[in-house]
Amino acid sequence: MPRNRTVSRIAVLGSPVQRGSAAGNSSTRSSALRRRLVLGTLIIGSLVLLTLSFRSTALDSTEGLAASALRPFEVAANRVARPFQDAAGWTKGLIHAKAKRDALQREVDELRRQVSAEQSAIHENDTLRNLLAYRDSARFPQDFHGVAARVLTNPATSFDQTVTVDAGSNQGVAPEDVVVTADGLVGQVTRVFSNISRVMLITDPDSAVRSADANNLAAIGIVEHGSGTSSVVLSRVTKDKKVNVGDTVITAGSPGQGQLPSLFPRNINVGRVTSVNASDTDLFKQIQVQPFVDFSSLESVLVLIPKASAHP
């Protein structure tokens, strides 16, 4: 009896295990089938909706409702994105504007350079025309011919009032030749090289030019360096000689019959009298003269070369 009872228990205990396994397999197959049915239904529904959307107006109202529902989100998204879009557009426009500005600035600089070069050429041409007109006029010293030269350097210091010109021995220039412009006397050549020369201005402390008052040729003195950098004085004029403010001072040339020849030809304009003073104790008048030539802006000059004796 005990043995039969044990067998019955084993049989009873084994029956539920087999039933549970069969039920589980059935449930899994059922869930997979349902998922496939749902997926197929969604795919078919999507195809139907797409077909209806393209071929009919049946869904217009639905699409309109969806668009209306999504409109606030679209507006909000646009408002959020607009500052970034504006910043990108502003940056792009700024870069383009800067590039265009730089191109225009280069064009303006080039045009200014061309205008400056043209104005300089016009001014230089006018200066040369004036020099040539003076050389061909009756005022030009008849015993000389003029060599045109361009001024290369300005005075270095107030104590060294000299300039350099681009004419030298190859052009017939020699030391002590007189240098002039259409306005008046400049100075004289002190050093000569092949194609350049050094010219001492009448404002140099070492310069001295025998000159006279054009309104009173008896008032003869020496034009020499004055108190200022560009000023000169007419010294050695006795107090009995009449000299007035505004009178023109000219070169006096050689004294007497030319026994002591002057380096400077006669009747070259030097400057205008600006002041005349005379004290009781002085033997000579104190005469200030403003040169006609602006030495700070010299550009072209004429070097006077004597016709009678050609330079070697």
C-alpha atoms as a PDB file:
ATOM      1  CA  MET A   1       0.000   0.000   0.000  1.00  0.00           C
ATOM      2  CA  PRO A   2       2.573   2.598   0.663  1.00  0.00           C
ATOM      3  CA  ARG A   3       4.243   1.953  -2.646  1.00  0.00           C
ATOM      4  CA  ASN A   4       1.032   2.585  -4.614  1.00  0.00           C
ATOM      5  CA  ARG A   5       0.384   5.769  -2.726  1.00  0.00           C
ATOM      6  CA  THR A   6       3.777   7.147  -3.719  1.00  0.00           C
ATOM      7  CA  VAL A   7       3.229   6.417  -7.374  1.00  0.00           C
ATOM      8  CA  SER A   8      -0.093   8.196  -7.271  1.00  0.00           C
ATOM      9  CA  ARG A   9       1.548  11.300  -5.835  1.00  0.00           C
ATOM     10  CA  ILE A  10       4.123  11.411  -8.577  1.00  0.00           C
ATOM     11  CA  ALA A  11       1.423  11.123 -11.186  1.00  0.00           C
ATOM     12  CA  VAL A  12      -0.608  13.839  -9.568  1.00  0.00           C
ATOM     13  CA  LEU A  13       2.410  16.178  -9.231  1.00  0.00           C
ATOM     14  CA  GLY A  14       3.453  15.704 -12.881  1.00  0.00           C
ATOM     15  CA  SER A  15       0.095  16.576 -14.429  1.00  0.00           C
ATOM     16  CA  PRO A  16       0.027  20.386 -13.628  1.00  0.00           C
ATOM     17  CA  VAL A  17       3.569  20.900 -14.934  1.00  0.00           C
ATOM     18  CA  GLN A  18       2.660  19.684 -18.380  1.00  0.00           C
ATOM     19  CA  ARG A  19      -0.502  21.801 -18.561  1.00  0.00           C
ATOM     20  CA  GLY A  20       1.378  25.005 -17.566  1.00  0.00           C
ATOM     21  CA  SER A  21       3.931  24.598 -20.329  1.00  0.00           C
ATOM     22  CA  ALA A  22       1.318  24.168 -22.992  1.00  0.00           C
ATOM     23  CA  ALA A  23      -0.575  27.287 -21.850  1.00  0.00           C
ATOM     24  CA  GLY A  24       2.626  29.416 -21.943  1.00  0.00           C
ATOM     25  CA  ASN A  25       3.446  28.492 -25.522  1.00  0.00           C
ATOM     26  CA  SER A  26      -0.062  29.316 -26.617  1.00  0.00           C
ATOM     27  CA  SER A  27       0.038  32.775 -24.981  1.00  0.00           C
ATOM     28  CA  THR A  28       3.371  33.665 -26.680  1.00  0.00           C
ATOM     29  CA  ARG A  29       2.103  32.716 -30.083  1.00  0.00           C
ATOM     30  CA  SER A  30      -1.047  34.736 -29.510  1.00  0.00           C
ATOM     31  CA  SER A  31       0.923  37.912 -28.528  1.00  0.00           C
ATOM     32  CA  ALA A  32       3.189  37.679 -31.598  1.00  0.00           C
ATOM     33  CA  LEU A  33       0.162  37.281 -33.826  1.00  0.00           C
ATOM     34  CA  ARG A  34      -1.502  40.340 -32.303  1.00  0.00           C
ATOM     35  CA  ARG A  35       1.648  42.446 -32.853  1.00  0.00           C
ATOM     36  CA  ARG A  36       1.835  41.435 -36.486  1.00  0.00           C
ATOM     37  CA  LEU A  37      -1.848  42.278 -36.960  1.00  0.00           C
ATOM     38  CA  VAL A  38      -1.391  45.732 -35.398  1.00  0.00           C
ATOM     39  CA  LEU A  39       1.722  46.459 -37.486  1.00  0.00           C
ATOM     40  CA  GLY A  40       0.006  45.385 -40.691  1.00  0.00           C
ATOM     41  CA  THR A  41      -3.041  47.449 -39.837  1.00  0.00           C
ATOM     42  CA  LEU A  42      -0.903  50.558 -39.246  1.00  0.00           C
ATOM     43  CA  ILE A  43       0.991  50.074 -42.493  1.00  0.00           C
ATOM     44  CA  ILE A  44      -2.225  49.605 -44.477  1.00  0.00           C
ATOM     45  CA  GLY A  45      -3.780  52.623 -42.745  1.00  0.00           C
ATOM     46  CA  SER A  46      -0.787  54.770 -43.553  1.00  0.00           C
ATOM     47  CA  LEU A  47      -0.886  53.788 -47.201  1.00  0.00           C
ATOM     48  CA  VAL A  48      -4.591  54.539 -47.326  1.00  0.00           C
ATOM     49  CA  LEU A  49      -4.086  57.948 -45.724  1.00  0.00           C
ATOM     50  CA  LEU A  50      -1.274  58.830 -48.099  1.00  0.00           C
ATOM     51  CA  THR A  51      -3.348  57.763 -51.087  1.00  0.00           C
ATOM     52  CA  LEU A  52      -6.310  59.791 -49.911  1.00  0.00           C
ATOM     53  CA  SER A  53      -4.093  62.795 -49.200  1.00  0.00           C
ATOM     54  CA  PHE A  54      -2.716  62.853 -52.751  1.00  0.00           C
ATOM     55  CA  ARG A  55      -5.833  61.854 -54.669  1.00  0.00           C
ATOM     56  CA  SER A  56      -8.722  63.433 -52.820  1.00  0.00           C
ATOM     57  CA  THR A  57      -9.744  66.231 -50.519  1.00  0.00           C
ATOM     58  CA  ALA A  58     -11.281  63.940 -47.946  1.00  0.00           C
ATOM     59  CA  LEU A  59      -8.557  64.711 -45.416  1.00  0.00           C
ATOM     60  CA  ASP A  60      -8.335  68.458 -46.000  1.00  0.00           C
ATOM     61  CA  SER A  61     -10.319  69.249 -42.917  1.00  0.00           C
ATOM     62  CA  THR A  62      -8.219  66.881 -40.836  1.00  0.00           C
ATOM     63  CA  GLU A  63      -4.999  68.382 -42.173  1.00  0.00           C
ATOM     64  CA  GLY A  64      -6.336  71.863 -41.506  1.00  0.00           C
ATOM     65  CA  LEU A  65      -7.145  70.955 -37.920  1.00  0.00           C
ATOM     66  CA  ALA A  66      -3.686  69.472 -37.482  1.00  0.00           C
ATOM     67  CA  ALA A  67      -2.046  72.561 -38.957  1.00  0.00           C
ATOM     68  CA  SER A  68      -4.096  74.816 -36.707  1.00  0.00           C
ATOM     69  CA  ALA A  69      -3.137  72.760 -33.697  1.00  0.00           C
ATOM     70  CA  LEU A  70       0.557  72.910 -34.622  1.00  0.00           C
ATOM     71  CA  ARG A  71       0.524  76.619 -35.560  1.00  0.00           C
ATOM     72  CA  PRO A  72       1.405  77.941 -32.042  1.00  0.00           C
ATOM     73  CA  PHE A  73       4.390  75.581 -31.914  1.00  0.00           C
ATOM     74  CA  GLU A  74       5.517  76.774 -35.363  1.00  0.00           C
ATOM     75  CA  VAL A  75       5.228  80.437 -34.321  1.00  0.00           C
ATOM     76  CA  ALA A  76       7.164  79.765 -31.126  1.00  0.00           C
ATOM     77  CA  ALA A  77       9.866  77.910 -33.035  1.00  0.00           C
ATOM     78  CA  ASN A  78      10.163  80.808 -35.519  1.00  0.00           C
ATOM     79  CA  ARG A  79      10.438  83.312 -32.689  1.00  0.00           C
ATOM     80  CA  VAL A  80      13.172  81.262 -31.026  1.00  0.00           C
ATOM     81  CA  ALA A  81      15.088  80.766 -34.278  1.00  0.00           C
ATOM     82  CA  ARG A  82      14.674  84.317 -35.626  1.00  0.00           C
ATOM     83  CA  PRO A  83      17.381  85.959 -33.436  1.00  0.00           C
ATOM     84  CA  PHE A  84      19.881  83.333 -34.553  1.00  0.00           C
ATOM     85  CA  GLN A  85      18.850  83.801 -38.184  1.00  0.00           C
ATOM     86  CA  ASP A  86      19.111  87.584 -37.810  1.00  0.00           C
ATOM     87  CA  ALA A  87      22.549  87.253 -36.155  1.00  0.00           C
ATOM     88  CA  ALA A  88      23.800  85.024 -38.939  1.00  0.00           C
ATOM     89  CA  GLY A  89      22.455  87.394 -41.583  1.00  0.00           C
ATOM     90  CA  TRP A  90      23.936  90.414 -39.787  1.00  0.00           C
ATOM     91  CA  THR A  91      27.344  88.713 -39.530  1.00  0.00           C
ATOM     92  CA  LYS A  92      27.303  87.781 -43.196  1.00  0.00           C
ATOM     93  CA  GLY A  93      26.229  91.291 -44.186  1.00  0.00           C
ATOM     94  CA  LEU A  94      28.903  92.841 -41.960  1.00  0.00           C
ATOM     95  CA  ILE A  95      31.642  90.723 -43.521  1.00  0.00           C
ATOM     96  CA  HIS A  96      30.402  91.639 -46.998  1.00  0.00           C
ATOM     97  CA  ALA A  97      30.182  95.334 -46.071  1.00  0.00           C
ATOM     98  CA  LYS A  98      33.728  95.333 -44.675  1.00  0.00           C
ATOM     99  CA  ALA A  99      35.092  93.659 -47.798  1.00  0.00           C
ATOM    100  CA  LYS A 100      33.267  96.178 -49.976  1.00  0.00           C
ATOM    101  CA  ARG A 101      34.497  99.054 -47.804  1.00  0.00           C
ATOM    102  CA  ASP A 102      38.109  97.857 -48.058  1.00  0.00           C
ATOM    103  CA  ALA A 103      37.791  97.561 -51.840  1.00  0.00           C
ATOM    104  CA  LEU A 104      36.318 101.071 -52.071  1.00  0.00           C
ATOM    105  CA  GLN A 105      39.060 102.437 -49.779  1.00  0.00           C
ATOM    106  CA  ARG A 106      41.742 100.932 -52.013  1.00  0.00           C
ATOM    107  CA  GLU A 107      40.044 102.455 -55.037  1.00  0.00           C
ATOM    108  CA  VAL A 108      39.846 105.860 -53.316  1.00  0.00           C
ATOM    109  CA  ASP A 109      43.526 105.673 -52.299  1.00  0.00           C
ATOM    110  CA  GLU A 110      44.516 104.824 -55.855  1.00  0.00           C
ATOM    111  CA  LEU A 111      42.430 107.691 -57.243  1.00  0.00           C
ATOM    112  CA  ARG A 112      43.963 110.083 -54.706  1.00  0.00           C
ATOM    113  CA  ARG A 113      47.438 108.925 -55.685  1.00  0.00           C
ATOM    114  CA  GLN A 114      46.639 109.501 -59.340  1.00  0.00           C
ATOM    115  CA  VAL A 115      45.161 112.943 -58.628  1.00  0.00           C
ATOM    116  CA  SER A 116      48.184 113.867 -56.491  1.00  0.00           C
ATOM    117  CA  ALA A 117      50.574 112.707 -59.212  1.00  0.00           C
ATOM    118  CA  GLU A 118      48.632 114.643 -61.848  1.00  0.00           C
ATOM    119  CA  GLN A 119      48.527 117.776 -59.698  1.00  0.00           C
ATOM    120  CA  SER A 120      52.262 117.460 -59.003  1.00  0.00           C
ATOM    121  CA  ALA A 121      52.952 117.045 -62.717  1.00  0.00           C
ATOM    122  CA  ILE A 122      50.761 120.047 -63.547  1.00  0.00           C
ATOM    123  CA  HIS A 123      52.480 122.158 -60.888  1.00  0.00           C
ATOM    124  CA  GLU A 124      55.928 121.084 -62.074  1.00  0.00           C
ATOM    125  CA  ASN A 125      54.941 121.825 -65.660  1.00  0.00           C
ATOM    126  CA  ASP A 126      53.740 125.302 -64.644  1.00  0.00           C
ATOM    127  CA  THR A 127      57.006 125.940 -62.787  1.00  0.00           C
ATOM    128  CA  LEU A 128      59.075 124.889 -65.785  1.00  0.00           C
ATOM    129  CA  ARG A 129      56.943 127.051 -68.070  1.00  0.00           C
ATOM    130  CA  ASN A 130      57.565 130.031 -65.800  1.00  0.00           C
ATOM    131  CA  LEU A 131      61.307 129.326 -65.822  1.00  0.00           C
ATOM    132  CA  LEU A 132      61.368 129.056 -69.610  1.00  0.00           C
ATOM    133  CA  ALA A 133      59.274 132.210 -69.952  1.00  0.00           C
ATOM    134  CA  TYR A 134      61.690 134.042 -67.653  1.00  0.00           C
ATOM    135  CA  ARG A 135      64.689 132.708 -69.614  1.00  0.00           C
ATOM    136  CA  ASP A 136      63.188 134.037 -72.849  1.00  0.00           C
ATOM    137  CA  SER A 137      62.149 137.395 -71.365  1.00  0.00           C
ATOM    138  CA  ALA A 138      63.998 140.716 -71.440  1.00  0.00           C
ATOM    139  CA  ARG A 139      64.616 140.462 -67.684  1.00  0.00           C
ATOM    140  CA  PHE A 140      66.888 137.445 -68.128  1.00  0.00           C
ATOM    141  CA  PRO A 141      70.625 138.347 -68.123  1.00  0.00           C
ATOM    142  CA  GLN A 142      71.637 138.442 -71.799  1.00  0.00           C
ATOM    143  CA  ASP A 143      75.222 137.274 -71.242  1.00  0.00           C
ATOM    144  CA  PHE A 144      74.083 133.958 -69.767  1.00  0.00           C
ATOM    145  CA  HIS A 145      72.111 130.927 -70.754  1.00  0.00           C
ATOM    146  CA  GLY A 146      70.082 128.965 -68.235  1.00  0.00           C
ATOM    147  CA  VAL A 147      70.216 125.266 -67.398  1.00  0.00           C
ATOM    148  CA  ALA A 148      67.008 124.018 -65.803  1.00  0.00           C
ATOM    149  CA  ALA A 149      67.499 121.800 -62.741  1.00  0.00           C
ATOM    150  CA  ARG A 150      65.206 120.118 -60.257  1.00  0.00           C
ATOM    151  CA  VAL A 151      65.764 120.645 -56.531  1.00  0.00           C
ATOM    152  CA  LEU A 152      66.480 117.326 -54.831  1.00  0.00           C
ATOM    153  CA  THR A 153      66.974 118.324 -51.176  1.00  0.00           C
ATOM    154  CA  ASN A 154      65.891 121.157 -48.900  1.00  0.00           C
ATOM    155  CA  PRO A 155      68.060 123.086 -46.415  1.00  0.00           C
ATOM    156  CA  ALA A 156      69.417 120.728 -43.744  1.00  0.00           C
ATOM    157  CA  THR A 157      69.610 123.228 -40.844  1.00  0.00           C
ATOM    158  CA  SER A 158      69.246 126.934 -40.196  1.00  0.00           C
ATOM    159  CA  PHE A 159      73.061 127.196 -40.264  1.00  0.00           C
ATOM    160  CA  ASP A 160      73.435 125.195 -43.466  1.00  0.00           C
ATOM    161  CA  GLN A 161      71.129 126.860 -45.948  1.00  0.00           C
ATOM    162  CA  THR A 162      71.999 124.766 -49.001  1.00  0.00           C
ATOM    163  CA  VAL A 163      70.081 122.657 -51.511  1.00  0.00           C
ATOM    164  CA  THR A 164      71.044 119.991 -54.030  1.00  0.00           C
ATOM    165  CA  VAL A 165      69.992 120.176 -57.696  1.00  0.00           C
ATOM    166  CA  ASP A 166      70.102 117.528 -60.429  1.00  0.00           C
ATOM    167  CA  ALA A 167      72.511 119.340 -62.777  1.00  0.00           C
ATOM    168  CA  GLY A 168      76.268 119.109 -62.669  1.00  0.00           C
ATOM    169  CA  SER A 169      79.393 119.260 -64.773  1.00  0.00           C
ATOM    170  CA  ASN A 170      77.830 117.055 -67.449  1.00  0.00           C
ATOM    171  CA  GLN A 171      75.261 119.822 -67.960  1.00  0.00           C
ATOM    172  CA  GLY A 172      77.896 122.598 -67.993  1.00  0.00           C
ATOM    173  CA  VAL A 173      77.520 123.714 -64.370  1.00  0.00           C
ATOM    174  CA  ALA A 174      80.580 125.017 -62.507  1.00  0.00           C
ATOM    175  CA  PRO A 175      81.309 126.418 -59.021  1.00  0.00           C
ATOM    176  CA  GLU A 176      80.204 130.041 -58.418  1.00  0.00           C
ATOM    177  CA  ASP A 177      77.469 129.864 -61.071  1.00  0.00           C
ATOM    178  CA  VAL A 178      74.423 131.913 -60.040  1.00  0.00           C
ATOM    179  CA  VAL A 179      71.091 130.150 -59.436  1.00  0.00           C
ATOM    180  CA  VAL A 180      67.723 131.874 -59.944  1.00  0.00           C
ATOM    181  CA  THR A 181      64.018 131.263 -60.423  1.00  0.00           C
ATOM    182  CA  ALA A 182      61.387 133.330 -62.185  1.00  0.00           C
ATOM    183  CA  ASP A 183      60.701 134.972 -58.781  1.00  0.00           C
ATOM    184  CA  GLY A 184      64.246 136.038 -58.021  1.00  0.00           C
ATOM    185  CA  LEU A 185      67.700 135.160 -56.755  1.00  0.00           C
ATOM    186  CA  VAL A 186      68.301 131.783 -55.100  1.00  0.00           C
ATOM    187  CA  GLY A 187      72.054 131.639 -54.491  1.00  0.00           C
ATOM    188  CA  GLN A 188      75.219 130.299 -56.076  1.00  0.00           C
ATOM    189  CA  VAL A 189      76.798 126.907 -56.791  1.00  0.00           C
ATOM    190  CA  THR A 190      79.467 125.853 -54.290  1.00  0.00           C
ATOM    191  CA  ARG A 191      80.194 122.214 -55.228  1.00  0.00           C
ATOM    192  CA  VAL A 192      79.764 120.357 -58.508  1.00  0.00           C
ATOM    193  CA  PHE A 193      79.627 116.659 -59.329  1.00  0.00           C
ATOM    194  CA  SER A 194      78.828 114.846 -62.568  1.00  0.00           C
ATOM    195  CA  ASN A 195      75.062 115.220 -62.442  1.00  0.00           C
ATOM    196  CA  ILE A 196      74.330 117.073 -59.204  1.00  0.00           C
ATOM    197  CA  SER A 197      75.465 120.325 -57.574  1.00  0.00           C
ATOM    198  CA  ARG A 198      75.319 121.948 -54.163  1.00  0.00           C
ATOM    199  CA  VAL A 199      73.780 125.440 -54.065  1.00  0.00           C
ATOM    200  CA  MET A 200      74.284 127.911 -51.202  1.00  0.00           C
ATOM    201  CA  LEU A 201      71.151 130.012 -50.638  1.00  0.00           C
ATOM    202  CA  ILE A 202      71.274 133.751 -50.024  1.00  0.00           C
ATOM    203  CA  THR A 203      69.933 132.997 -46.514  1.00  0.00           C
ATOM    204  CA  ASP A 204      73.123 131.092 -45.638  1.00  0.00           C
ATOM    205  CA  PRO A 205      75.380 132.857 -43.079  1.00  0.00           C
ATOM    206  CA  ASP A 206      78.291 132.641 -45.557  1.00  0.00           C
ATOM    207  CA  SER A 207      76.371 134.293 -48.397  1.00  0.00           C
ATOM    208  CA  ALA A 208      76.904 137.944 -49.408  1.00  0.00           C
ATOM    209  CA  VAL A 209      75.392 139.618 -52.486  1.00  0.00           C
ATOM    210  CA  ARG A 210      76.065 143.184 -53.633  1.00  0.00           C
ATOM    211  CA  SER A 211      72.610 144.723 -54.050  1.00  0.00           C
ATOM    212  CA  ALA A 212      70.780 148.048 -54.358  1.00  0.00           C
ATOM    213  CA  ASP A 213      67.360 149.632 -53.945  1.00  0.00           C
ATOM    214  CA  ALA A 214      65.636 149.553 -57.348  1.00  0.00           C
ATOM    215  CA  ASN A 215      64.019 152.945 -56.611  1.00  0.00           C
ATOM    216  CA  ASN A 216      67.342 154.502 -55.593  1.00  0.00           C
ATOM    217  CA  LEU A 217      70.314 152.781 -57.236  1.00  0.00           C
ATOM    218  CA  ALA A 218      72.660 154.880 -55.122  1.00  0.00           C
ATOM    219  CA  ALA A 219      71.481 152.998 -52.027  1.00  0.00           C
ATOM    220  CA  ILE A 220      73.915 150.115 -52.420  1.00  0.00           C
ATOM    221  CA  GLY A 221      74.705 147.561 -49.756  1.00  0.00           C
ATOM    222  CA  ILE A 222      75.214 143.851 -49.103  1.00  0.00           C
ATOM    223  CA  VAL A 223      72.356 141.365 -48.853  1.00  0.00           C
ATOM    224  CA  GLU A 224      73.313 138.840 -46.203  1.00  0.00           C
ATOM    225  CA  HIS A 225      71.851 136.487 -43.618  1.00  0.00           C
ATOM    226  CA  GLY A 226      69.382 138.126 -41.229  1.00  0.00           C
ATOM    227  CA  SER A 227      68.118 137.225 -37.760  1.00  0.00           C
ATOM    228  CA  GLY A 228      65.581 134.666 -38.973  1.00  0.00           C
ATOM    229  CA  THR A 229      66.060 131.471 -40.962  1.00  0.00           C
ATOM    230  CA  SER A 230      64.528 132.794 -44.184  1.00  0.00           C
ATOM    231  CA  SER A 231      65.175 136.504 -43.694  1.00  0.00           C
ATOM    232  CA  VAL A 232      67.962 138.654 -45.071  1.00  0.00           C
ATOM    233  CA  VAL A 233      69.103 142.224 -44.507  1.00  0.00           C
ATOM    234  CA  LEU A 234      70.498 144.915 -46.756  1.00  0.00           C
ATOM    235  CA  SER A 235      73.492 146.097 -44.772  1.00  0.00           C
ATOM    236  CA  ARG A 236      76.128 148.784 -45.365  1.00  0.00           C
ATOM    237  CA  VAL A 237      73.648 151.346 -46.669  1.00  0.00           C
ATOM    238  CA  THR A 238      74.561 154.777 -45.282  1.00  0.00           C
ATOM    239  CA  LYS A 239      71.923 156.824 -43.517  1.00  0.00           C
ATOM    240  CA  ASP A 240      71.952 159.532 -46.195  1.00  0.00           C
ATOM    241  CA  LYS A 241      70.562 157.100 -48.817  1.00  0.00           C
ATOM    242  CA  LYS A 242      66.776 156.976 -49.165  1.00  0.00           C
ATOM    243  CA  VAL A 243      65.207 153.564 -48.744  1.00  0.00           C
ATOM    244  CA  ASN A 244      61.467 153.018 -48.143  1.00  0.00           C
ATOM    245  CA  VAL A 245      59.397 150.091 -46.964  1.00  0.00           C
ATOM    246  CA  GLY A 246      58.028 148.244 -49.991  1.00  0.00           C
ATOM    247  CA  ASP A 247      60.986 149.042 -52.259  1.00  0.00           C
ATOM    248  CA  THR A 248      62.382 146.217 -54.378  1.00  0.00           C
ATOM    249  CA  VAL A 249      65.967 145.144 -53.783  1.00  0.00           C
ATOM    250  CA  ILE A 250      67.923 143.949 -56.849  1.00  0.00           C
ATOM    251  CA  THR A 251      71.432 142.734 -57.512  1.00  0.00           C
ATOM    252  CA  ALA A 252      73.799 145.649 -58.172  1.00  0.00           C
ATOM    253  CA  GLY A 253      76.235 143.843 -60.450  1.00  0.00           C
ATOM    254  CA  SER A 254      79.871 144.867 -60.842  1.00  0.00           C
ATOM    255  CA  PRO A 255      80.992 148.264 -59.514  1.00  0.00           C
ATOM    256  CA  GLY A 256      82.567 150.966 -61.724  1.00  0.00           C
ATOM    257  CA  GLN A 257      83.852 149.693 -65.072  1.00  0.00           C
ATOM    258  CA  GLY A 258      83.904 146.081 -63.963  1.00  0.00           C
ATOM    259  CA  GLN A 259      87.366 146.158 -62.465  1.00  0.00           C
ATOM    260  CA  LEU A 260      85.981 144.111 -59.564  1.00  0.00           C
ATOM    261  CA  PRO A 261      83.480 141.876 -61.350  1.00  0.00           C
ATOM    262  CA  SER A 262      80.595 140.554 -59.318  1.00  0.00           C
ATOM    263  CA  LEU A 263      79.550 136.931 -59.506  1.00  0.00           C
ATOM    264  CA  PHE A 264      75.914 138.037 -59.656  1.00  0.00           C
ATOM    265  CA  PRO A 265      74.524 139.706 -62.801  1.00  0.00           C
ATOM    266  CA  ARG A 266      72.800 143.054 -62.458  1.00  0.00           C
ATOM    267  CA  ASN A 267      69.026 143.576 -62.042  1.00  0.00           C
ATOM    268  CA  ILE A 268      68.040 140.191 -60.598  1.00  0.00           C
ATOM    269  CA  ASN A 269      65.221 140.562 -58.083  1.00  0.00           C
ATOM    270  CA  VAL A 270      66.208 139.734 -54.513  1.00  0.00           C
ATOM    271  CA  GLY A 271      63.342 140.774 -52.241  1.00  0.00           C
ATOM    272  CA  ARG A 272      61.134 143.506 -50.803  1.00  0.00           C
ATOM    273  CA  VAL A 273      62.021 145.930 -47.999  1.00  0.00           C
ATOM    274  CA  THR A 274      59.903 145.214 -44.909  1.00  0.00           C
ATOM    275  CA  SER A 275      61.411 147.658 -42.389  1.00  0.00           C
ATOM    276  CA  VAL A 276      63.934 150.528 -42.268  1.00  0.00           C
ATOM    277  CA  ASN A 277      65.502 151.777 -39.051  1.00  0.00           C
ATOM    278  CA  ALA A 278      68.413 154.098 -38.227  1.00  0.00           C
ATOM    279  CA  SER A 279      69.690 155.152 -34.830  1.00  0.00           C
ATOM    280  CA  ASP A 280      71.746 158.223 -34.108  1.00  0.00           C
ATOM    281  CA  THR A 281      74.791 156.176 -33.182  1.00  0.00           C
ATOM    282  CA  ASP A 282      74.752 153.808 -36.186  1.00  0.00           C
ATOM    283  CA  LEU A 283      76.598 154.626 -39.375  1.00  0.00           C
ATOM    284  CA  PHE A 284      74.314 152.506 -41.533  1.00  0.00           C
ATOM    285  CA  LYS A 285      70.607 151.868 -41.826  1.00  0.00           C
ATOM    286  CA  GLN A 286      69.032 148.668 -40.561  1.00  0.00           C
ATOM    287  CA  ILE A 287      67.024 147.349 -43.511  1.00  0.00           C
ATOM    288  CA  GLN A 288      65.055 144.112 -43.322  1.00  0.00           C
ATOM    289  CA  VAL A 289      64.329 142.370 -46.631  1.00  0.00           C
ATOM    290  CA  GLN A 290      61.873 139.547 -47.383  1.00  0.00           C
ATOM    291  CA  PRO A 291      63.190 137.407 -50.273  1.00  0.00           C
ATOM    292  CA  PHE A 292      60.898 136.901 -53.253  1.00  0.00           C
ATOM    293  CA  VAL A 293      61.833 133.212 -53.439  1.00  0.00           C
ATOM    294  CA  ASP A 294      60.143 130.798 -51.035  1.00  0.00           C
ATOM    295  CA  PHE A 295      63.118 128.612 -50.124  1.00  0.00           C
ATOM    296  CA  SER A 296      60.931 126.116 -48.252  1.00  0.00           C
ATOM    297  CA  SER A 297      59.129 125.077 -51.452  1.00  0.00           C
ATOM    298  CA  LEU A 298      61.841 125.194 -54.091  1.00  0.00           C
ATOM    299  CA  GLU A 299      61.189 122.690 -56.880  1.00  0.00           C
ATOM    300  CA  SER A 300      62.998 123.859 -60.034  1.00  0.00           C
ATOM    301  CA  VAL A 301      65.703 126.458 -60.693  1.00  0.00           C
ATOM    302  CA  LEU A 302      67.826 127.890 -63.488  1.00  0.00           C
ATOM    303  CA  VAL A 303      71.616 127.803 -63.279  1.00  0.00           C
ATOM    304  CA  LEU A 304      73.138 130.805 -65.081  1.00  0.00           C
ATOM    305  CA  ILE A 305      76.119 129.817 -67.224  1.00  0.00           C
ATOM    306  CA  PRO A 306      78.173 132.640 -68.833  1.00  0.00           C
ATOM    307  CA  LYS A 307      78.087 132.613 -72.626  1.00  0.00           C
ATOM    308  CA  ALA A 308      81.491 134.313 -73.110  1.00  0.00           C
ATOM    309  CA  SER A 309      83.561 131.640 -71.392  1.00  0.00           C
ATOM    310  CA  ALA A 310      82.188 128.138 -71.576  1.00  0.00           C
ATOM    311  CA  HIS A 311      83.017 125.926 -68.626  1.00  0.00           C
ATOM    312  CA  PRO A 312      85.442 123.054 -69.313  1.00  0.00           C
END
